[in-house]
Structures are given as C-alpha cells and as structure tokens.
Amino acid sequence: MLWGAYGSALELRTEGGATRLRATFPYGAEAELAPGRREVIASRAFAARIDAGEDIHLLSGHDFEKPLASRAAGTLTLTDTDAALVVEARIDAGTSWARDFLAAHASGLIRGLSPGFRVAPGGERIESRGAALLRTVTAAALFELSAVTRPAYDGAQIEARCWQSPAQTTPRAGHPLNRWRP
C-alpha cells in the first residue's frame, strides 16, 4: 500500500462534545515525492471503492490499530466529485489514540492528510520529464485516509476550529504525543 498526501485541508470543529472533521482532497495536485519523482492523483481515481460503498477508514498515522472513523461504523462520509474528494467524520474522544490525535492537532503537530491506496492494474501512467518521472494515478483502491505529521504534499494541511471554550478542550495531562512518528 502506498501513502501520499495531496493538496487538501482538514478542519476540526467541536460542537456539543462531538468533534467533527471535514477535509477536501483536491485532485490534480502535483507533488515531488523524491528528487526526480513526481506524482498526481487524477480526478475520481478513488471512485471504485467509494462508489461501491466499501469500508474505508480514517486513521491516525496510517495505523489500522488507531482508527478515528469508518464508513462501516457510520462515522465517515466520503463524497467524490470530479474536482475533489470531500471527507467528513465524527471523532469520538473515547479512545486514547483519538485523544492523542486531538492533543497533537491542538499542539500544531498534526497538520497533514494522507491517503493509503493500492494502484489498480493499468491504473497509472508514467511519463518522462527530462531526467524526472511523473506518475499519474488514474485508478486506485482507497483503503484509508490518515492524519499525519509530514504529508508528502505541502498543500495537505490541517486547520482546526474549536467551538468550545479552552477549558473544555484542554488536552489530558501526561505525554500522549510520545507515540507519534515524525
């Protein structure tokens, strides 16, 4: 499975004790994944699993042991358009990793969104650009989206809005961020 983060924004809102996440993952953004290696996700490249209603997860740091929301649980909604993939989730802070994610985000440590996917057979085009390569992903099986510290795409940044007073949103004491990888 490959992970990459693409020009998107992630917004968190806390309303009445429930944290709601909304993100837009625009298609067509180009990123340099390594020197001389660029990648673009084409419009509706993730459509097959989304349109089929398959279970897709929102994870903390690409870790399936740290789910934040899922379609099967009814806490994740994905809307796929020609321009972007829109992600909406309800995050329950009842698990330690959800609290860790919320604390890391509040501290400014988690700002990226990154999809986990497998490219379908025939689902990519590779073109040379001088000494560089550009891979365009045209069809891929999307399994998860993750909140990450360092997305592959600079434009994949998280923004947050809190609709409660600071006293209601103060992270728990301790060192919940020790498990986060850079």
C-alpha atoms as a PDB file:
ATOM      1  CA  MET A   1       0.000   0.000   0.000  1.00  0.00           C
ATOM      2  CA  LEU A   2       1.223   3.471  -0.828  1.00  0.00           C
ATOM      3  CA  TRP A   3       0.650   6.609   1.150  1.00  0.00           C
ATOM      4  CA  GLY A   4       0.740  10.144  -0.076  1.00  0.00           C
ATOM      5  CA  ALA A   5      -0.781  13.420   0.922  1.00  0.00           C
ATOM      6  CA  TYR A   6      -2.300  15.724  -1.600  1.00  0.00           C
ATOM      7  CA  GLY A   7      -3.277  19.387  -1.597  1.00  0.00           C
ATOM      8  CA  SER A   8      -6.080  19.320   0.920  1.00  0.00           C
ATOM      9  CA  ALA A   9      -7.219  20.988   4.090  1.00  0.00           C
ATOM     10  CA  LEU A  10      -8.507  19.312   7.211  1.00  0.00           C
ATOM     11  CA  GLU A  11     -10.785  21.222   9.545  1.00  0.00           C
ATOM     12  CA  LEU A  12     -11.842  20.117  13.027  1.00  0.00           C
ATOM     13  CA  ARG A  13     -14.839  21.500  14.885  1.00  0.00           C
ATOM     14  CA  THR A  14     -16.012  20.597  18.338  1.00  0.00           C
ATOM     15  CA  GLU A  15     -19.736  21.052  18.824  1.00  0.00           C
ATOM     16  CA  GLY A  16     -21.565  19.837  21.899  1.00  0.00           C
ATOM     17  CA  GLY A  17     -18.835  17.354  22.831  1.00  0.00           C
ATOM     18  CA  ALA A  18     -18.531  15.741  19.386  1.00  0.00           C
ATOM     19  CA  THR A  19     -15.548  16.536  17.208  1.00  0.00           C
ATOM     20  CA  ARG A  20     -16.342  16.847  13.535  1.00  0.00           C
ATOM     21  CA  LEU A  21     -13.703  16.697  10.862  1.00  0.00           C
ATOM     22  CA  ARG A  22     -14.075  17.989   7.322  1.00  0.00           C
ATOM     23  CA  ALA A  23     -11.426  17.849   4.618  1.00  0.00           C
ATOM     24  CA  THR A  24     -11.267  18.425   0.894  1.00  0.00           C
ATOM     25  CA  PHE A  25      -8.738  16.422  -1.081  1.00  0.00           C
ATOM     26  CA  PRO A  26      -8.393  18.154  -4.478  1.00  0.00           C
ATOM     27  CA  TYR A  27      -7.469  16.076  -7.496  1.00  0.00           C
ATOM     28  CA  GLY A  28      -4.800  17.116  -9.972  1.00  0.00           C
ATOM     29  CA  ALA A  29      -2.237  18.450  -7.465  1.00  0.00           C
ATOM     30  CA  GLU A  30       1.349  17.524  -8.328  1.00  0.00           C
ATOM     31  CA  ALA A  31       3.918  16.693  -5.662  1.00  0.00           C
ATOM     32  CA  GLU A  32       7.572  15.750  -5.612  1.00  0.00           C
ATOM     33  CA  LEU A  33       7.762  12.523  -3.604  1.00  0.00           C
ATOM     34  CA  ALA A  34      11.521  12.190  -4.068  1.00  0.00           C
ATOM     35  CA  PRO A  35      14.089  14.007  -6.208  1.00  0.00           C
ATOM     36  CA  GLY A  36      13.050  13.473  -9.817  1.00  0.00           C
ATOM     37  CA  ARG A  37       9.837  11.600  -8.888  1.00  0.00           C
ATOM     38  CA  ARG A  38       6.542  13.461  -9.052  1.00  0.00           C
ATOM     39  CA  GLU A  39       3.003  12.182  -8.661  1.00  0.00           C
ATOM     40  CA  VAL A  40      -0.534  13.337  -9.422  1.00  0.00           C
ATOM     41  CA  ILE A  41      -3.839  11.749  -8.427  1.00  0.00           C
ATOM     42  CA  ALA A  42      -6.282  12.133 -11.321  1.00  0.00           C
ATOM     43  CA  SER A  43      -9.908  13.126 -10.929  1.00  0.00           C
ATOM     44  CA  ARG A  44     -12.023  10.368  -9.324  1.00  0.00           C
ATOM     45  CA  ALA A  45      -9.069   7.950  -9.163  1.00  0.00           C
ATOM     46  CA  PHE A  46     -10.519   6.553  -5.911  1.00  0.00           C
ATOM     47  CA  ALA A  47     -14.097   6.233  -7.239  1.00  0.00           C
ATOM     48  CA  ALA A  48     -14.342   2.415  -7.473  1.00  0.00           C
ATOM     49  CA  ARG A  49     -14.337   1.620  -3.735  1.00  0.00           C
ATOM     50  CA  ILE A  50     -16.113   4.850  -2.796  1.00  0.00           C
ATOM     51  CA  ASP A  51     -18.962   4.336  -5.269  1.00  0.00           C
ATOM     52  CA  ALA A  52     -19.267   0.647  -4.281  1.00  0.00           C
ATOM     53  CA  GLY A  53     -19.824   1.693  -0.643  1.00  0.00           C
ATOM     54  CA  GLU A  54     -16.741  -0.218   0.566  1.00  0.00           C
ATOM     55  CA  ASP A  55     -15.499   0.328   4.105  1.00  0.00           C
ATOM     56  CA  ILE A  56     -12.811   2.999   4.243  1.00  0.00           C
ATOM     57  CA  HIS A  57     -11.194   4.238   7.448  1.00  0.00           C
ATOM     58  CA  LEU A  58      -9.881   7.495   8.824  1.00  0.00           C
ATOM     59  CA  LEU A  59      -6.753   6.592  10.790  1.00  0.00           C
ATOM     60  CA  SER A  60      -4.171   8.195  12.962  1.00  0.00           C
ATOM     61  CA  GLY A  61      -0.784   7.943  11.226  1.00  0.00           C
ATOM     62  CA  HIS A  62      -1.679   5.107   8.769  1.00  0.00           C
ATOM     63  CA  ASP A  63      -2.120   2.743  11.731  1.00  0.00           C
ATOM     64  CA  PHE A  64      -5.135   0.427  11.447  1.00  0.00           C
ATOM     65  CA  GLU A  65      -4.797  -0.103  15.208  1.00  0.00           C
ATOM     66  CA  LYS A  66      -5.704   3.597  15.671  1.00  0.00           C
ATOM     67  CA  PRO A  67      -8.983   4.152  13.812  1.00  0.00           C
ATOM     68  CA  LEU A  68     -10.674   7.517  14.207  1.00  0.00           C
ATOM     69  CA  ALA A  69     -13.739   6.880  11.998  1.00  0.00           C
ATOM     70  CA  SER A  70     -15.013   4.472   9.339  1.00  0.00           C
ATOM     71  CA  ARG A  71     -17.798   4.119   6.815  1.00  0.00           C
ATOM     72  CA  ALA A  72     -18.918   0.818   8.379  1.00  0.00           C
ATOM     73  CA  ALA A  73     -19.289   2.493  11.773  1.00  0.00           C
ATOM     74  CA  GLY A  74     -21.313   5.301  10.207  1.00  0.00           C
ATOM     75  CA  THR A  75     -18.798   7.928  11.355  1.00  0.00           C
ATOM     76  CA  LEU A  76     -17.134   8.623   7.982  1.00  0.00           C
ATOM     77  CA  THR A  77     -18.736  10.055   4.852  1.00  0.00           C
ATOM     78  CA  LEU A  78     -16.889  10.407   1.533  1.00  0.00           C
ATOM     79  CA  THR A  79     -18.216  12.437  -1.382  1.00  0.00           C
ATOM     80  CA  ASP A  80     -16.262  12.007  -4.604  1.00  0.00           C
ATOM     81  CA  THR A  81     -16.549  14.661  -7.319  1.00  0.00           C
ATOM     82  CA  ASP A  82     -14.526  15.454 -10.421  1.00  0.00           C
ATOM     83  CA  ALA A  83     -12.728  18.230  -8.547  1.00  0.00           C
ATOM     84  CA  ALA A  84     -12.113  16.698  -5.098  1.00  0.00           C
ATOM     85  CA  LEU A  85     -12.785  14.031  -2.521  1.00  0.00           C
ATOM     86  CA  VAL A  86     -14.695  15.522   0.421  1.00  0.00           C
ATOM     87  CA  VAL A  87     -14.155  13.789   3.780  1.00  0.00           C
ATOM     88  CA  GLU A  88     -16.492  14.251   6.756  1.00  0.00           C
ATOM     89  CA  ALA A  89     -16.027  12.368  10.024  1.00  0.00           C
ATOM     90  CA  ARG A  90     -17.268  12.315  13.590  1.00  0.00           C
ATOM     91  CA  ILE A  91     -14.432  11.567  16.025  1.00  0.00           C
ATOM     92  CA  ASP A  92     -15.235  10.144  19.454  1.00  0.00           C
ATOM     93  CA  ALA A  93     -12.563  11.043  22.015  1.00  0.00           C
ATOM     94  CA  GLY A  94     -13.339   7.856  23.965  1.00  0.00           C
ATOM     95  CA  THR A  95     -10.118   6.132  22.852  1.00  0.00           C
ATOM     96  CA  SER A  96      -6.581   7.035  23.883  1.00  0.00           C
ATOM     97  CA  TRP A  97      -5.413   7.392  20.260  1.00  0.00           C
ATOM     98  CA  ALA A  98      -8.300   9.747  19.416  1.00  0.00           C
ATOM     99  CA  ARG A  99      -7.360  11.897  22.414  1.00  0.00           C
ATOM    100  CA  ASP A 100      -3.711  11.717  21.306  1.00  0.00           C
ATOM    101  CA  PHE A 101      -4.676  12.836  17.796  1.00  0.00           C
ATOM    102  CA  LEU A 102      -6.783  15.723  19.110  1.00  0.00           C
ATOM    103  CA  ALA A 103      -3.998  16.804  21.513  1.00  0.00           C
ATOM    104  CA  ALA A 104      -1.338  16.563  18.789  1.00  0.00           C
ATOM    105  CA  HIS A 105      -3.509  18.563  16.420  1.00  0.00           C
ATOM    106  CA  ALA A 106      -4.201  21.210  19.075  1.00  0.00           C
ATOM    107  CA  SER A 107      -0.431  21.470  19.646  1.00  0.00           C
ATOM    108  CA  GLY A 108       0.206  22.023  15.958  1.00  0.00           C
ATOM    109  CA  LEU A 109       1.972  18.697  15.463  1.00  0.00           C
ATOM    110  CA  ILE A 110      -0.558  17.032  13.152  1.00  0.00           C
ATOM    111  CA  ARG A 111      -1.333  19.113  10.083  1.00  0.00           C
ATOM    112  CA  GLY A 112      -1.412  16.736   7.112  1.00  0.00           C
ATOM    113  CA  LEU A 113      -3.840  14.395   5.366  1.00  0.00           C
ATOM    114  CA  SER A 114      -2.547  11.339   3.526  1.00  0.00           C
ATOM    115  CA  PRO A 115      -4.431   8.596   1.622  1.00  0.00           C
ATOM    116  CA  GLY A 116      -3.491   4.913   1.792  1.00  0.00           C
ATOM    117  CA  PHE A 117      -4.199   3.165  -1.508  1.00  0.00           C
ATOM    118  CA  ARG A 118      -3.180   0.468  -3.983  1.00  0.00           C
ATOM    119  CA  VAL A 119      -2.917   1.334  -7.655  1.00  0.00           C
ATOM    120  CA  ALA A 120      -5.206  -0.862  -9.750  1.00  0.00           C
ATOM    121  CA  PRO A 121      -3.706  -2.849 -12.649  1.00  0.00           C
ATOM    122  CA  GLY A 122      -3.383  -0.385 -15.518  1.00  0.00           C
ATOM    123  CA  GLY A 123      -4.294   2.464 -13.168  1.00  0.00           C
ATOM    124  CA  GLU A 124      -1.241   4.633 -13.715  1.00  0.00           C
ATOM    125  CA  ARG A 125       0.596   6.496 -16.444  1.00  0.00           C
ATOM    126  CA  ILE A 126       4.325   7.130 -16.222  1.00  0.00           C
ATOM    127  CA  GLU A 127       5.883   9.872 -18.308  1.00  0.00           C
ATOM    128  CA  SER A 128       9.423  11.167 -18.556  1.00  0.00           C
ATOM    129  CA  ARG A 129      10.154  14.827 -17.989  1.00  0.00           C
ATOM    130  CA  GLY A 130      13.810  15.102 -18.828  1.00  0.00           C
ATOM    131  CA  ALA A 131      15.625  13.239 -16.050  1.00  0.00           C
ATOM    132  CA  ALA A 132      12.464  13.160 -13.911  1.00  0.00           C
ATOM    133  CA  LEU A 133       9.386  10.925 -13.904  1.00  0.00           C
ATOM    134  CA  LEU A 134       5.752  11.869 -13.424  1.00  0.00           C
ATOM    135  CA  ARG A 135       3.318   9.192 -12.302  1.00  0.00           C
ATOM    136  CA  THR A 136      -0.363   9.947 -12.770  1.00  0.00           C
ATOM    137  CA  VAL A 137      -2.605   7.630 -10.738  1.00  0.00           C
ATOM    138  CA  THR A 138      -5.865   7.176 -12.658  1.00  0.00           C
ATOM    139  CA  ALA A 139      -7.404   4.256 -10.717  1.00  0.00           C
ATOM    140  CA  ALA A 140      -6.576   3.158  -7.187  1.00  0.00           C
ATOM    141  CA  ALA A 141      -8.266   1.271  -4.355  1.00  0.00           C
ATOM    142  CA  LEU A 142      -8.565   3.717  -1.439  1.00  0.00           C
ATOM    143  CA  PHE A 143      -8.433   1.888   1.903  1.00  0.00           C
ATOM    144  CA  GLU A 144      -7.841   4.723   4.338  1.00  0.00           C
ATOM    145  CA  LEU A 145      -7.111   8.377   4.884  1.00  0.00           C
ATOM    146  CA  SER A 146      -4.785   9.385   7.691  1.00  0.00           C
ATOM    147  CA  ALA A 147      -3.985  12.419   9.779  1.00  0.00           C
ATOM    148  CA  VAL A 148      -0.176  12.702   9.642  1.00  0.00           C
ATOM    149  CA  THR A 149       2.673  14.906  10.806  1.00  0.00           C
ATOM    150  CA  ARG A 150       4.524  15.111   7.481  1.00  0.00           C
ATOM    151  CA  PRO A 151       2.402  14.762   4.355  1.00  0.00           C
ATOM    152  CA  ALA A 152       4.075  14.164   1.013  1.00  0.00           C
ATOM    153  CA  TYR A 153       2.303  17.242  -0.349  1.00  0.00           C
ATOM    154  CA  ASP A 154       2.976  20.604   1.268  1.00  0.00           C
ATOM    155  CA  GLY A 155      -0.577  21.734   0.488  1.00  0.00           C
ATOM    156  CA  ALA A 156      -2.133  18.945   2.562  1.00  0.00           C
ATOM    157  CA  GLN A 157      -2.501  20.974   5.731  1.00  0.00           C
ATOM    158  CA  ILE A 158      -4.915  20.656   8.640  1.00  0.00           C
ATOM    159  CA  GLU A 159      -6.824  23.610  10.024  1.00  0.00           C
ATOM    160  CA  ALA A 160      -8.872  23.488  13.197  1.00  0.00           C
ATOM    161  CA  ARG A 161     -11.768  25.389  14.637  1.00  0.00           C
ATOM    162  CA  CYS A 162     -12.926  24.814  18.157  1.00  0.00           C
ATOM    163  CA  TRP A 163     -16.410  25.852  19.130  1.00  0.00           C
ATOM    164  CA  GLN A 164     -15.903  25.308  22.863  1.00  0.00           C
ATOM    165  CA  SER A 165     -14.071  27.322  25.470  1.00  0.00           C
ATOM    166  CA  PRO A 166     -10.372  26.460  26.047  1.00  0.00           C
ATOM    167  CA  ALA A 167     -11.271  24.922  29.431  1.00  0.00           C
ATOM    168  CA  GLN A 168     -13.472  22.368  27.662  1.00  0.00           C
ATOM    169  CA  THR A 169     -10.816  21.391  25.116  1.00  0.00           C
ATOM    170  CA  THR A 170      -7.628  21.231  27.213  1.00  0.00           C
ATOM    171  CA  PRO A 171      -5.710  18.013  26.396  1.00  0.00           C
ATOM    172  CA  ARG A 172      -5.240  15.469  29.177  1.00  0.00           C
ATOM    173  CA  ALA A 173      -2.065  15.632  31.251  1.00  0.00           C
ATOM    174  CA  GLY A 174       0.879  13.342  30.533  1.00  0.00           C
ATOM    175  CA  HIS A 175       2.827  12.673  27.385  1.00  0.00           C
ATOM    176  CA  PRO A 176       0.258  11.494  24.830  1.00  0.00           C
ATOM    177  CA  LEU A 177       2.429  12.542  21.889  1.00  0.00           C
ATOM    178  CA  ASN A 178       5.326  10.183  22.580  1.00  0.00           C
ATOM    179  CA  ARG A 179       3.895   7.607  20.182  1.00  0.00           C
ATOM    180  CA  TRP A 180       3.710   9.939  17.190  1.00  0.00           C
ATOM    181  CA  ARG A 181       6.248   9.429  14.462  1.00  0.00           C
ATOM    182  CA  PRO A 182       7.713  12.422  12.573  1.00  0.00           C
END
